[in-house]
């Protein structure tokens, strides 16, 4: 393995925990412990091997240039330091990464309408600038499409979305039955999921969702006051009591997840989590409403996230498994810290999953329906594979200029492209507060994670 004349490092972050130094590698989100020589090398980059050696001779009496070179080679194998072989491997991955051609999950935009009028709705009352209900024949054709395009995969998945998909439960029910028929004929299985506000739930719907093993995500922001500040009916009446009462039996019978939206109304994530946890749900996640928060709001949310991380870590120490499971918004960060890995784009949009709007048009994600640039074809004429390839490349982190020197480039991959479009009018330009939020929260979580490793509570398989 050759060493470059001027030695440089891939983006990284060094943290110190309990007297030990660790490096978090931007390329693959791996974590390695550093000794004094490793740290010395990184502190003196970019530089030539000879110049590093001349400095190292003073700092470390017995070190040889061969030993120093071997350290650098080892660090380059772990993508901490750049070399020709490592950079060629990175570039090859970027070039060969392309649209897979067999998504296995379809988001059916069954109802581009909603019975609520939430303030922050990115879909504009659930309509995505194109209100209406999907026709049954379009839904059938969308199911045929995903069953075919998933290729040799044993299961395909259907997510019913809106708007509020339960506004047309009869059609949803018929489409589920049709999907089961298609799956059986193809020797596959089919999985179902739904995101709903829960206000239209009936005993019949509840029984059906349980019988068909739906993965259910409930839209709810926190306690009554917090929720109803943004989530209400057209007449202004808050939706909290309706959501909670209509879903009471369902939450007792099966595990239901919750997705809450955070706005300037209340940045206390921990209290939101506590209020939602009382409803006996399985997994709670939060996302900020990016266009309803200013710099001060993000500062408050970051501080609140730190508090949530502390509670999560203490729950791990005390083996409070229910609390651990419900704090999905923290757990997903710790899972990524533990697993590491190279990520070339933020999510599976357009690759693992695809969205079908009410008219049968195909998009990488439901959030992108209002953006005609992201149309990938339709269920009648098929996917435009050239367009799919273009969008796949566009969404790769390699095409985010701001991220190229960031230590989190493979961890967050530039954030949600729809949020970037809203805030910066540029899908490949993460907005300032998102970057600040990700850097501060991830660094704090990284230190707390490594404390648990040092205490022997978390076993690390990588590194």
Foldseek 3Di string as FASTA:
>chain_A
DDADQFKAFAFWDWDDFPRWIWIQFQQFRAIDTDDPLRVLVHVPPRDGLVVSVVVVCVVPVPDDSVNSVVVQVVCVVVRGMDDPVSVVVVVVCLVPDFFPQQAQEEEEAQFQAAQKQFPLDLCRRFNVVPGDGFDLVLLLLVLVVNLVRNPPDQEGEYEYETNARVVCVVSVVVSLVSSCVSSVVVNHYYAYEYEHQQLPADPVNLVVCVVRVYAYEHEAAADQVVRLVGIGGPVSHRCVVSNLVSCLVSLVPDAHHYEHEDALVDLQPVRRLVRVVVSNHFAYAYDYSLVRYDPVSLVSNLVNLLVVLVVLLVCLVVVVVRSVRHHNNLNVLLVCSQPTGAAFAQDCFLRNYWYQYSVFWIFSDPSCSSPPLRTQGGSPVDGPSVSSRVVVSCRTLVNQVVLSNHSNCRPRVQHQQSSCCVPPVGSSYRDDSVVVSCVSSSVSSNNSSVNCVVVVSDDHPGD
